[in-house]
């Protein structure tokens, strides 16, 4: 694993340390990795949303399509 040094204001450093003291994370590095994973996932989701927005509309009505996925009975999925 690679190492990266970061500078934080004292208040942020204390916050990160408190997250480890509270037992939510075992180390500051684990907490930072989780934040980066979350940011990465959010960025990937945003990209997929924009990709979907730029794609052509379905030929059939979206609600009709969703009804076919639920089945002929119209039950909620």
N, C-alpha and C. Protein backbone atom coordinates (compact mmCIF):
# COMPACT_ATOMS: atom_id res chain seq x y z
N UNK A 1 0.85 -1.17 0.00
CA UNK A 1 0.00 0.00 0.00
C UNK A 1 0.90 1.24 0.00
N UNK A 2 0.48 2.24 -0.73
CA UNK A 2 1.23 3.49 -0.80
C UNK A 2 0.90 4.40 0.37
N UNK A 3 1.77 5.36 0.59
CA UNK A 3 1.58 6.31 1.67
C UNK A 3 1.38 7.70 1.09
N UNK A 4 0.49 8.48 1.71
CA UNK A 4 0.25 9.86 1.31
C UNK A 4 0.12 10.69 2.57
N UNK A 5 0.83 11.77 2.63
CA UNK A 5 0.73 12.68 3.77
C UNK A 5 -0.20 13.82 3.41
N UNK A 6 -1.09 14.17 4.33
CA UNK A 6 -2.00 15.28 4.10
C UNK A 6 -1.92 16.25 5.27
N UNK A 7 -2.23 17.49 5.00
CA UNK A 7 -2.26 18.51 6.05
C UNK A 7 -3.71 18.86 6.33
N UNK A 8 -4.06 18.92 7.60
CA UNK A 8 -5.41 19.25 8.01
C UNK A 8 -5.37 20.35 9.06
N UNK A 9 -6.40 21.19 9.09
CA UNK A 9 -6.52 22.11 10.21
C UNK A 9 -6.69 21.29 11.50
N UNK A 10 -6.31 21.84 12.61
CA UNK A 10 -6.37 21.12 13.89
C UNK A 10 -7.77 20.58 14.18
N UNK A 11 -8.80 21.35 13.86
CA UNK A 11 -10.17 20.91 14.15
C UNK A 11 -10.53 19.64 13.35
N UNK A 12 -10.09 19.57 12.10
CA UNK A 12 -10.36 18.38 11.29
C UNK A 12 -9.55 17.19 11.81
N UNK A 13 -8.33 17.43 12.17
CA UNK A 13 -7.48 16.36 12.72
C UNK A 13 -8.13 15.78 13.97
N UNK A 14 -8.61 16.64 14.84
CA UNK A 14 -9.28 16.17 16.06
C UNK A 14 -10.53 15.37 15.73
N UNK A 15 -11.27 15.83 14.73
CA UNK A 15 -12.48 15.11 14.34
C UNK A 15 -12.15 13.70 13.86
N UNK A 16 -11.16 13.59 12.99
CA UNK A 16 -10.75 12.28 12.48
C UNK A 16 -10.30 11.39 13.63
N UNK A 17 -9.50 11.93 14.53
CA UNK A 17 -9.04 11.15 15.68
C UNK A 17 -10.21 10.71 16.55
N UNK A 18 -11.21 11.56 16.70
CA UNK A 18 -12.39 11.20 17.51
C UNK A 18 -13.16 10.05 16.88
N UNK A 19 -13.22 10.02 15.55
CA UNK A 19 -13.91 8.92 14.87
C UNK A 19 -13.24 7.59 15.19
N UNK A 20 -11.93 7.59 15.36
CA UNK A 20 -11.23 6.35 15.70
C UNK A 20 -11.40 6.02 17.18
N UNK A 21 -11.41 7.03 18.03
CA UNK A 21 -11.61 6.81 19.47
C UNK A 21 -13.01 6.24 19.72
N UNK A 22 -14.00 6.73 18.97
CA UNK A 22 -15.38 6.27 19.13
C UNK A 22 -15.56 4.82 18.68
N UNK A 23 -14.56 4.30 18.00
CA UNK A 23 -14.62 2.90 17.57
C UNK A 23 -15.27 2.68 16.23
N UNK A 24 -15.66 3.75 15.56
CA UNK A 24 -16.28 3.58 14.24
C UNK A 24 -15.25 3.13 13.21
N UNK A 25 -14.03 3.56 13.39
CA UNK A 25 -12.92 3.18 12.51
C UNK A 25 -11.74 2.84 13.38
N UNK A 26 -10.94 1.88 12.92
CA UNK A 26 -9.81 1.47 13.75
C UNK A 26 -8.61 2.40 13.60
N UNK A 27 -8.50 3.06 12.45
CA UNK A 27 -7.39 4.00 12.24
C UNK A 27 -7.89 5.20 11.44
N UNK A 28 -7.13 6.27 11.48
CA UNK A 28 -7.44 7.45 10.67
C UNK A 28 -7.39 7.09 9.19
N UNK A 29 -6.44 6.24 8.81
CA UNK A 29 -6.32 5.82 7.41
C UNK A 29 -7.57 5.08 6.95
N UNK A 30 -8.12 4.24 7.79
CA UNK A 30 -9.35 3.51 7.43
C UNK A 30 -10.49 4.50 7.19
N UNK A 31 -10.59 5.51 8.03
CA UNK A 31 -11.63 6.53 7.89
C UNK A 31 -11.46 7.29 6.57
N UNK A 32 -10.25 7.71 6.26
CA UNK A 32 -9.98 8.46 5.04
C UNK A 32 -10.25 7.58 3.81
N UNK A 33 -9.85 6.32 3.87
CA UNK A 33 -10.13 5.41 2.75
C UNK A 33 -11.63 5.28 2.51
N UNK A 34 -12.41 5.19 3.59
CA UNK A 34 -13.87 5.09 3.46
C UNK A 34 -14.44 6.37 2.82
N UNK A 35 -13.93 7.52 3.21
CA UNK A 35 -14.39 8.77 2.60
C UNK A 35 -14.08 8.80 1.10
N UNK A 36 -12.90 8.34 0.74
CA UNK A 36 -12.52 8.32 -0.67
C UNK A 36 -13.38 7.32 -1.44
N UNK A 37 -13.64 6.14 -0.87
CA UNK A 37 -14.52 5.16 -1.53
C UNK A 37 -15.90 5.76 -1.76
N UNK A 38 -16.43 6.42 -0.74
CA UNK A 38 -17.75 7.03 -0.85
C UNK A 38 -17.78 8.10 -1.93
N UNK A 39 -16.76 8.94 -1.97
CA UNK A 39 -16.67 9.97 -3.00
C UNK A 39 -16.56 9.35 -4.39
N UNK A 40 -15.78 8.29 -4.50
CA UNK A 40 -15.61 7.59 -5.77
C UNK A 40 -16.95 7.03 -6.24
N UNK A 41 -17.69 6.39 -5.34
CA UNK A 41 -18.99 5.82 -5.69
C UNK A 41 -19.97 6.91 -6.12
N UNK A 42 -19.96 8.03 -5.39
CA UNK A 42 -20.84 9.15 -5.72
C UNK A 42 -20.51 9.71 -7.10
N UNK A 43 -19.23 9.83 -7.39
CA UNK A 43 -18.80 10.34 -8.70
C UNK A 43 -19.22 9.37 -9.81
N UNK A 44 -19.05 8.07 -9.59
CA UNK A 44 -19.44 7.07 -10.58
C UNK A 44 -20.95 7.09 -10.82
N UNK A 45 -21.73 7.22 -9.76
CA UNK A 45 -23.19 7.29 -9.90
C UNK A 45 -23.60 8.53 -10.68
N UNK A 46 -22.98 9.65 -10.36
CA UNK A 46 -23.28 10.88 -11.08
C UNK A 46 -22.98 10.72 -12.58
N UNK A 47 -21.86 10.09 -12.89
CA UNK A 47 -21.50 9.86 -14.29
C UNK A 47 -22.55 9.00 -14.99
N UNK A 48 -23.04 7.97 -14.30
CA UNK A 48 -24.06 7.10 -14.90
C UNK A 48 -25.37 7.86 -15.09
N UNK A 49 -25.71 8.73 -14.16
CA UNK A 49 -26.94 9.53 -14.30
C UNK A 49 -26.83 10.43 -15.52
N UNK A 50 -25.69 11.12 -15.67
CA UNK A 50 -25.50 11.98 -16.83
C UNK A 50 -25.50 11.17 -18.13
N UNK A 51 -24.91 10.00 -18.10
CA UNK A 51 -24.90 9.13 -19.27
C UNK A 51 -26.34 8.75 -19.63
N UNK A 52 -27.15 8.44 -18.63
CA UNK A 52 -28.54 8.11 -18.88
C UNK A 52 -29.34 9.28 -19.41
N UNK A 53 -29.03 10.48 -18.90
CA UNK A 53 -29.73 11.67 -19.36
C UNK A 53 -29.43 11.97 -20.82
N UNK A 54 -28.23 11.60 -21.26
CA UNK A 54 -27.84 11.86 -22.64
C UNK A 54 -28.27 10.76 -23.60
N UNK A 55 -28.74 9.64 -23.08
CA UNK A 55 -29.16 8.55 -23.95
C UNK A 55 -30.54 8.84 -24.54
N UNK A 56 -30.83 8.23 -25.68
CA UNK A 56 -32.13 8.48 -26.32
C UNK A 56 -33.28 7.92 -25.47
N UNK A 57 -34.43 8.56 -25.62
CA UNK A 57 -35.62 8.11 -24.90
C UNK A 57 -36.07 6.76 -25.47
N UNK A 58 -36.72 5.97 -24.61
CA UNK A 58 -37.28 4.71 -25.08
C UNK A 58 -38.43 4.98 -26.03
N UNK A 59 -38.59 4.10 -26.99
CA UNK A 59 -39.68 4.26 -27.95
C UNK A 59 -41.03 4.10 -27.26
N UNK A 60 -41.10 3.19 -26.29
CA UNK A 60 -42.38 2.98 -25.60
C UNK A 60 -42.44 3.84 -24.34
N UNK A 61 -43.62 4.09 -23.87
CA UNK A 61 -43.83 4.88 -22.68
C UNK A 61 -43.15 4.24 -21.47
N UNK A 62 -42.43 5.01 -20.71
CA UNK A 62 -41.67 4.49 -19.57
C UNK A 62 -42.58 3.79 -18.56
N UNK A 63 -43.74 4.35 -18.28
CA UNK A 63 -44.64 3.74 -17.30
C UNK A 63 -45.16 2.39 -17.80
N UNK A 64 -45.45 2.30 -19.10
CA UNK A 64 -45.86 1.02 -19.66
C UNK A 64 -44.75 0.00 -19.53
N UNK A 65 -43.53 0.43 -19.77
CA UNK A 65 -42.37 -0.46 -19.63
C UNK A 65 -42.24 -0.95 -18.19
N UNK A 66 -42.40 -0.05 -17.23
CA UNK A 66 -42.31 -0.45 -15.82
C UNK A 66 -43.42 -1.43 -15.46
N UNK A 67 -44.61 -1.23 -16.01
CA UNK A 67 -45.71 -2.16 -15.75
C UNK A 67 -45.38 -3.56 -16.27
N UNK A 68 -44.70 -3.65 -17.41
CA UNK A 68 -44.34 -4.96 -17.94
C UNK A 68 -43.32 -5.63 -17.03
N UNK A 69 -42.46 -4.84 -16.40
CA UNK A 69 -41.49 -5.44 -15.48
C UNK A 69 -42.19 -5.99 -14.23
N UNK A 70 -43.24 -5.32 -13.79
CA UNK A 70 -43.98 -5.76 -12.61
C UNK A 70 -44.87 -6.96 -12.91
N UNK A 71 -45.21 -7.15 -14.14
CA UNK A 71 -46.11 -8.23 -14.52
C UNK A 71 -47.49 -7.70 -14.85
N UNK A 72 -48.28 -8.53 -15.43
CA UNK A 72 -49.60 -8.12 -15.90
C UNK A 72 -50.55 -7.74 -14.77
N UNK A 73 -50.29 -8.18 -13.54
CA UNK A 73 -51.20 -7.92 -12.44
C UNK A 73 -51.11 -6.50 -11.94
N UNK A 74 -50.03 -5.79 -12.26
CA UNK A 74 -49.87 -4.42 -11.80
C UNK A 74 -49.43 -4.31 -10.36
N UNK A 75 -48.99 -5.42 -9.78
CA UNK A 75 -48.51 -5.38 -8.40
C UNK A 75 -47.23 -4.57 -8.32
N UNK A 76 -47.06 -3.91 -7.17
CA UNK A 76 -45.84 -3.13 -6.98
C UNK A 76 -44.68 -4.07 -6.74
N UNK A 77 -43.54 -3.68 -7.31
CA UNK A 77 -42.33 -4.49 -7.16
C UNK A 77 -41.72 -4.30 -5.79
